[in-house]
Amino acid sequence: MKVISLISYIAMAILIGWYARQEASQYKVSSLTAMTFFALNPLVLLEGIGNGHNDTVMLVLMTLGLILWQRDKWAWAAFALTLAALIKTSGLILMPLFGVSVLAAMPDWRARAIRGLGIAAIFIFMAAVAYRITGPLEPYWNFWTIMTVITTPWIFGIPLIGPLLLKWKNSRRFETSPWL
């Protein structure tokens, strides 16, 4: 894990230096100064590399997502921020802000709906792929469980449709078919 933390530490320093070089005229700071402030930060050195936390990987993806978001590459930003959130749940903190900002930039409601559905599709697809590959939901990865999760609207803590689907499925499970 420390090798992954070291690689993400180097990637973060390069990303900060590259971004500082792009924005040097606006902030009056050199890329070397920005990289040095990050790279020689004792907290980053001790907790990131020394203890091998996965926070450095999440921070690289969050920083990449913020840079892509600033450059109006919303799909790639959603991809990077979703990966950051999948690595550590504290990466979810930027998702509502990202969603509101991207949707507010759209001129009309139709464009907002399309962009919002695109962001939601990226998030759901990436989460489904990650959970399918890593396997914690492997025993539950079937049609009825997915339909229960998708169709269960939680209103005041009361699930409405999902349990009805499961009850219907369970009641039909033991019926004999006339064709058997």
C-alpha atoms as a PDB file:
ATOM      1  CA  MET A   1       0.000   0.000   0.000  1.00  0.00           C
ATOM      2  CA  LYS A   2       2.933   2.334   0.586  1.00  0.00           C
ATOM      3  CA  VAL A   3       3.978   2.009  -3.051  1.00  0.00           C
ATOM      4  CA  ILE A   4       0.512   3.100  -4.162  1.00  0.00           C
ATOM      5  CA  SER A   5       0.681   6.015  -1.698  1.00  0.00           C
ATOM      6  CA  LEU A   6       4.109   6.993  -3.042  1.00  0.00           C
ATOM      7  CA  ILE A   7       2.874   6.888  -6.638  1.00  0.00           C
ATOM      8  CA  SER A   8      -0.173   8.985  -5.771  1.00  0.00           C
ATOM      9  CA  TYR A   9       2.044  11.404  -3.795  1.00  0.00           C
ATOM     10  CA  ILE A  10       4.242  11.912  -6.868  1.00  0.00           C
ATOM     11  CA  ALA A  11       1.167  12.222  -9.109  1.00  0.00           C
ATOM     12  CA  MET A  12      -0.321  14.821  -6.766  1.00  0.00           C
ATOM     13  CA  ALA A  13       2.904  16.865  -6.759  1.00  0.00           C
ATOM     14  CA  ILE A  14       3.025  16.752 -10.560  1.00  0.00           C
ATOM     15  CA  LEU A  15      -0.662  17.674 -10.813  1.00  0.00           C
ATOM     16  CA  ILE A  16      -0.228  20.628  -8.443  1.00  0.00           C
ATOM     17  CA  GLY A  17       2.865  21.796 -10.316  1.00  0.00           C
ATOM     18  CA  TRP A  18       1.155  21.487 -13.683  1.00  0.00           C
ATOM     19  CA  TYR A  19      -1.918  23.364 -12.486  1.00  0.00           C
ATOM     20  CA  ALA A  20       0.183  26.090 -10.885  1.00  0.00           C
ATOM     21  CA  ARG A  21       2.073  26.526 -14.158  1.00  0.00           C
ATOM     22  CA  GLN A  22      -1.214  26.893 -16.054  1.00  0.00           C
ATOM     23  CA  GLU A  23      -2.510  29.485 -13.582  1.00  0.00           C
ATOM     24  CA  ALA A  24       0.815  31.199 -12.782  1.00  0.00           C
ATOM     25  CA  SER A  25      -0.163  34.551 -14.273  1.00  0.00           C
ATOM     26  CA  GLN A  26      -3.315  34.739 -12.175  1.00  0.00           C
ATOM     27  CA  TYR A  27      -1.886  33.742  -8.792  1.00  0.00           C
ATOM     28  CA  LYS A  28       1.719  34.975  -9.068  1.00  0.00           C
ATOM     29  CA  VAL A  29       3.175  31.727  -7.765  1.00  0.00           C
ATOM     30  CA  SER A  30       5.641  29.472  -9.506  1.00  0.00           C
ATOM     31  CA  SER A  31       4.932  25.798 -10.050  1.00  0.00           C
ATOM     32  CA  LEU A  32       8.062  24.901  -8.080  1.00  0.00           C
ATOM     33  CA  THR A  33       6.766  26.806  -5.054  1.00  0.00           C
ATOM     34  CA  ALA A  34       3.383  25.110  -5.221  1.00  0.00           C
ATOM     35  CA  MET A  35       4.959  21.667  -5.594  1.00  0.00           C
ATOM     36  CA  THR A  36       7.356  22.350  -2.713  1.00  0.00           C
ATOM     37  CA  PHE A  37       4.579  23.461  -0.363  1.00  0.00           C
ATOM     38  CA  PHE A  38       2.767  20.209  -1.024  1.00  0.00           C
ATOM     39  CA  ALA A  39       5.738  17.848  -1.258  1.00  0.00           C
ATOM     40  CA  LEU A  40       7.452  19.002   1.936  1.00  0.00           C
ATOM     41  CA  ASN A  41       4.309  19.178   4.040  1.00  0.00           C
ATOM     42  CA  PRO A  42       5.020  17.006   7.106  1.00  0.00           C
ATOM     43  CA  LEU A  43       1.420  15.825   7.375  1.00  0.00           C
ATOM     44  CA  VAL A  44       1.465  14.607   3.786  1.00  0.00           C
ATOM     45  CA  LEU A  45       4.838  12.923   4.258  1.00  0.00           C
ATOM     46  CA  LEU A  46       3.991  11.185   7.545  1.00  0.00           C
ATOM     47  CA  GLU A  47       0.357  10.257   7.014  1.00  0.00           C
ATOM     48  CA  GLY A  48       0.305   9.860   3.257  1.00  0.00           C
ATOM     49  CA  ILE A  49       3.504   8.009   2.507  1.00  0.00           C
ATOM     50  CA  GLY A  50       4.689   6.967   5.964  1.00  0.00           C
ATOM     51  CA  ASN A  51       1.458   5.294   7.052  1.00  0.00           C
ATOM     52  CA  GLY A  52       0.287   4.326   3.579  1.00  0.00           C
ATOM     53  CA  HIS A  53      -3.198   5.825   3.777  1.00  0.00           C
ATOM     54  CA  ASN A  54      -5.480   5.660   0.771  1.00  0.00           C
ATOM     55  CA  ASP A  55      -6.327   9.331   1.290  1.00  0.00           C
ATOM     56  CA  THR A  56      -3.547  10.315  -1.108  1.00  0.00           C
ATOM     57  CA  VAL A  57      -5.144   8.328  -3.926  1.00  0.00           C
ATOM     58  CA  MET A  58      -8.506   9.909  -3.165  1.00  0.00           C
ATOM     59  CA  LEU A  59      -6.964  13.391  -3.057  1.00  0.00           C
ATOM     60  CA  VAL A  60      -5.275  12.911  -6.421  1.00  0.00           C
ATOM     61  CA  LEU A  61      -8.603  11.970  -7.982  1.00  0.00           C
ATOM     62  CA  MET A  62     -10.432  14.806  -6.221  1.00  0.00           C
ATOM     63  CA  THR A  63      -7.830  17.325  -7.390  1.00  0.00           C
ATOM     64  CA  LEU A  64      -8.000  15.959 -10.916  1.00  0.00           C
ATOM     65  CA  GLY A  65     -11.796  16.180 -10.766  1.00  0.00           C
ATOM     66  CA  LEU A  66     -11.644  19.796  -9.596  1.00  0.00           C
ATOM     67  CA  ILE A  67      -9.230  20.740 -12.373  1.00  0.00           C
ATOM     68  CA  LEU A  68     -11.393  19.026 -14.998  1.00  0.00           C
ATOM     69  CA  TRP A  69     -14.487  20.649 -13.507  1.00  0.00           C
ATOM     70  CA  GLN A  70     -12.852  24.071 -13.788  1.00  0.00           C
ATOM     71  CA  ARG A  71     -11.999  23.364 -17.421  1.00  0.00           C
ATOM     72  CA  ASP A  72     -15.657  22.428 -18.188  1.00  0.00           C
ATOM     73  CA  LYS A  73     -14.957  18.760 -18.803  1.00  0.00           C
ATOM     74  CA  TRP A  74     -17.886  17.694 -16.636  1.00  0.00           C
ATOM     75  CA  ALA A  75     -18.041  14.027 -17.711  1.00  0.00           C
ATOM     76  CA  TRP A  76     -14.379  13.395 -16.907  1.00  0.00           C
ATOM     77  CA  ALA A  77     -14.745  15.367 -13.691  1.00  0.00           C
ATOM     78  CA  ALA A  78     -17.713  13.193 -12.696  1.00  0.00           C
ATOM     79  CA  PHE A  79     -15.634  10.107 -13.507  1.00  0.00           C
ATOM     80  CA  ALA A  80     -12.690  11.276 -11.360  1.00  0.00           C
ATOM     81  CA  LEU A  81     -14.890  12.411  -8.457  1.00  0.00           C
ATOM     82  CA  THR A  82     -16.815   9.138  -8.540  1.00  0.00           C
ATOM     83  CA  LEU A  83     -13.587   7.157  -8.377  1.00  0.00           C
ATOM     84  CA  ALA A  84     -12.483   9.323  -5.452  1.00  0.00           C
ATOM     85  CA  ALA A  85     -15.774   8.639  -3.675  1.00  0.00           C
ATOM     86  CA  LEU A  86     -15.447   4.919  -4.335  1.00  0.00           C
ATOM     87  CA  ILE A  87     -11.983   4.882  -2.793  1.00  0.00           C
ATOM     88  CA  LYS A  88     -13.064   6.688   0.355  1.00  0.00           C
ATOM     89  CA  THR A  89     -16.518   7.954   1.238  1.00  0.00           C
ATOM     90  CA  SER A  90     -15.216  11.347   2.314  1.00  0.00           C
ATOM     91  CA  GLY A  91     -14.752  11.950  -1.412  1.00  0.00           C
ATOM     92  CA  LEU A  92     -18.540  12.244  -1.636  1.00  0.00           C
ATOM     93  CA  ILE A  93     -18.366  15.694  -0.094  1.00  0.00           C
ATOM     94  CA  LEU A  94     -17.723  17.332  -3.464  1.00  0.00           C
ATOM     95  CA  MET A  95     -20.462  15.511  -5.367  1.00  0.00           C
ATOM     96  CA  PRO A  96     -23.443  17.713  -4.336  1.00  0.00           C
ATOM     97  CA  LEU A  97     -21.432  20.871  -4.927  1.00  0.00           C
ATOM     98  CA  PHE A  98     -20.293  19.525  -8.295  1.00  0.00           C
ATOM     99  CA  GLY A  99     -23.831  18.567  -9.285  1.00  0.00           C
ATOM    100  CA  VAL A 100     -25.371  21.907  -8.319  1.00  0.00           C
ATOM    101  CA  SER A 101     -22.599  23.878 -10.014  1.00  0.00           C
ATOM    102  CA  VAL A 102     -22.728  21.923 -13.258  1.00  0.00           C
ATOM    103  CA  LEU A 103     -26.516  22.048 -13.408  1.00  0.00           C
ATOM    104  CA  ALA A 104     -26.652  25.765 -12.583  1.00  0.00           C
ATOM    105  CA  ALA A 105     -24.384  26.487 -15.547  1.00  0.00           C
ATOM    106  CA  MET A 106     -26.938  25.063 -17.989  1.00  0.00           C
ATOM    107  CA  PRO A 107     -29.194  27.528 -19.819  1.00  0.00           C
ATOM    108  CA  ASP A 108     -32.526  25.686 -19.562  1.00  0.00           C
ATOM    109  CA  TRP A 109     -34.244  22.833 -17.752  1.00  0.00           C
ATOM    110  CA  ARG A 110     -33.900  20.390 -20.625  1.00  0.00           C
ATOM    111  CA  ALA A 111     -30.127  20.804 -20.712  1.00  0.00           C
ATOM    112  CA  ARG A 112     -30.017  20.488 -16.919  1.00  0.00           C
ATOM    113  CA  ALA A 113     -32.010  17.260 -17.049  1.00  0.00           C
ATOM    114  CA  ILE A 114     -29.760  15.780 -19.722  1.00  0.00           C
ATOM    115  CA  ARG A 115     -26.567  16.756 -17.928  1.00  0.00           C
ATOM    116  CA  GLY A 116     -27.931  15.615 -14.555  1.00  0.00           C
ATOM    117  CA  LEU A 117     -28.899  12.240 -15.996  1.00  0.00           C
ATOM    118  CA  GLY A 118     -25.435  11.984 -17.551  1.00  0.00           C
ATOM    119  CA  ILE A 119     -23.735  12.627 -14.212  1.00  0.00           C
ATOM    120  CA  ALA A 120     -26.049  10.182 -12.443  1.00  0.00           C
ATOM    121  CA  ALA A 121     -25.414   7.540 -15.121  1.00  0.00           C
ATOM    122  CA  ILE A 122     -21.644   7.927 -14.766  1.00  0.00           C
ATOM    123  CA  PHE A 123     -21.873   7.658 -10.977  1.00  0.00           C
ATOM    124  CA  ILE A 124     -24.214   4.650 -10.979  1.00  0.00           C
ATOM    125  CA  PHE A 125     -22.285   2.848 -13.725  1.00  0.00           C
ATOM    126  CA  MET A 126     -18.926   3.333 -12.009  1.00  0.00           C
ATOM    127  CA  ALA A 127     -20.327   2.245  -8.640  1.00  0.00           C
ATOM    128  CA  ALA A 128     -21.941  -0.838 -10.185  1.00  0.00           C
ATOM    129  CA  VAL A 129     -18.731  -1.807 -11.982  1.00  0.00           C
ATOM    130  CA  ALA A 130     -16.654  -1.300  -8.843  1.00  0.00           C
ATOM    131  CA  TYR A 131     -18.985  -3.341  -6.675  1.00  0.00           C
ATOM    132  CA  ARG A 132     -19.325  -6.020  -9.320  1.00  0.00           C
ATOM    133  CA  ILE A 133     -15.544  -6.391  -9.608  1.00  0.00           C
ATOM    134  CA  THR A 134     -14.721  -6.232  -5.910  1.00  0.00           C
ATOM    135  CA  GLY A 135     -17.405  -8.707  -5.013  1.00  0.00           C
ATOM    136  CA  PRO A 136     -19.086  -7.588  -1.771  1.00  0.00           C
ATOM    137  CA  LEU A 137     -22.465  -7.703  -3.508  1.00  0.00           C
ATOM    138  CA  GLU A 138     -21.774 -10.863  -5.478  1.00  0.00           C
ATOM    139  CA  PRO A 139     -24.335 -13.040  -3.630  1.00  0.00           C
ATOM    140  CA  TYR A 140     -26.958 -10.333  -4.036  1.00  0.00           C
ATOM    141  CA  TRP A 141     -26.287  -9.483  -7.668  1.00  0.00           C
ATOM    142  CA  ASN A 142     -29.553 -10.699  -9.149  1.00  0.00           C
ATOM    143  CA  PHE A 143     -32.534  -9.144 -10.839  1.00  0.00           C
ATOM    144  CA  TRP A 144     -34.901  -9.049  -7.872  1.00  0.00           C
ATOM    145  CA  THR A 145     -32.452  -7.449  -5.491  1.00  0.00           C
ATOM    146  CA  ILE A 146     -31.525  -4.791  -8.034  1.00  0.00           C
ATOM    147  CA  MET A 147     -35.201  -4.093  -8.746  1.00  0.00           C
ATOM    148  CA  THR A 148     -35.876  -3.811  -5.008  1.00  0.00           C
ATOM    149  CA  VAL A 149     -33.067  -1.297  -4.543  1.00  0.00           C
ATOM    150  CA  ILE A 150     -34.001   0.731  -7.618  1.00  0.00           C
ATOM    151  CA  THR A 151     -37.739   0.821  -6.998  1.00  0.00           C
ATOM    152  CA  THR A 152     -37.703   1.482  -3.257  1.00  0.00           C
ATOM    153  CA  PRO A 153     -38.460   5.157  -2.740  1.00  0.00           C
ATOM    154  CA  TRP A 154     -37.802   6.087   0.863  1.00  0.00           C
ATOM    155  CA  ILE A 155     -40.460   8.549   1.925  1.00  0.00           C
ATOM    156  CA  PHE A 156     -40.447   9.291   5.643  1.00  0.00           C
ATOM    157  CA  GLY A 157     -38.460   6.094   6.172  1.00  0.00           C
ATOM    158  CA  ILE A 158     -41.172   3.857   4.701  1.00  0.00           C
ATOM    159  CA  PRO A 159     -40.211   1.709   1.716  1.00  0.00           C
ATOM    160  CA  LEU A 160     -43.123   1.439  -0.691  1.00  0.00           C
ATOM    161  CA  ILE A 161     -42.520  -0.604  -3.817  1.00  0.00           C
ATOM    162  CA  GLY A 162     -39.497  -2.793  -3.028  1.00  0.00           C
ATOM    163  CA  PRO A 163     -41.040  -4.984  -0.309  1.00  0.00           C
ATOM    164  CA  LEU A 164     -44.158  -5.440  -2.439  1.00  0.00           C
ATOM    165  CA  LEU A 165     -41.995  -6.774  -5.275  1.00  0.00           C
ATOM    166  CA  LEU A 166     -40.191  -9.147  -2.914  1.00  0.00           C
ATOM    167  CA  LYS A 167     -43.498 -10.320  -1.428  1.00  0.00           C
ATOM    168  CA  TRP A 168     -44.879 -10.965  -4.912  1.00  0.00           C
ATOM    169  CA  LYS A 169     -41.689 -12.808  -5.902  1.00  0.00           C
ATOM    170  CA  ASN A 170     -41.701 -14.921  -2.746  1.00  0.00           C
ATOM    171  CA  SER A 171     -45.390 -15.784  -3.104  1.00  0.00           C
ATOM    172  CA  ARG A 172     -44.818 -17.011  -6.663  1.00  0.00           C
ATOM    173  CA  ARG A 173     -41.714 -19.001  -5.774  1.00  0.00           C
ATOM    174  CA  PHE A 174     -43.548 -22.062  -4.432  1.00  0.00           C
ATOM    175  CA  GLU A 175     -46.445 -22.132  -6.862  1.00  0.00           C
ATOM    176  CA  THR A 176     -46.433 -25.023  -9.231  1.00  0.00           C
ATOM    177  CA  SER A 177     -46.531 -24.257 -12.874  1.00  0.00           C
ATOM    178  CA  PRO A 178     -49.335 -25.768 -14.947  1.00  0.00           C
ATOM    179  CA  TRP A 179     -46.766 -26.621 -17.601  1.00  0.00           C
ATOM    180  CA  LEU A 180     -44.602 -28.802 -15.310  1.00  0.00           C
END
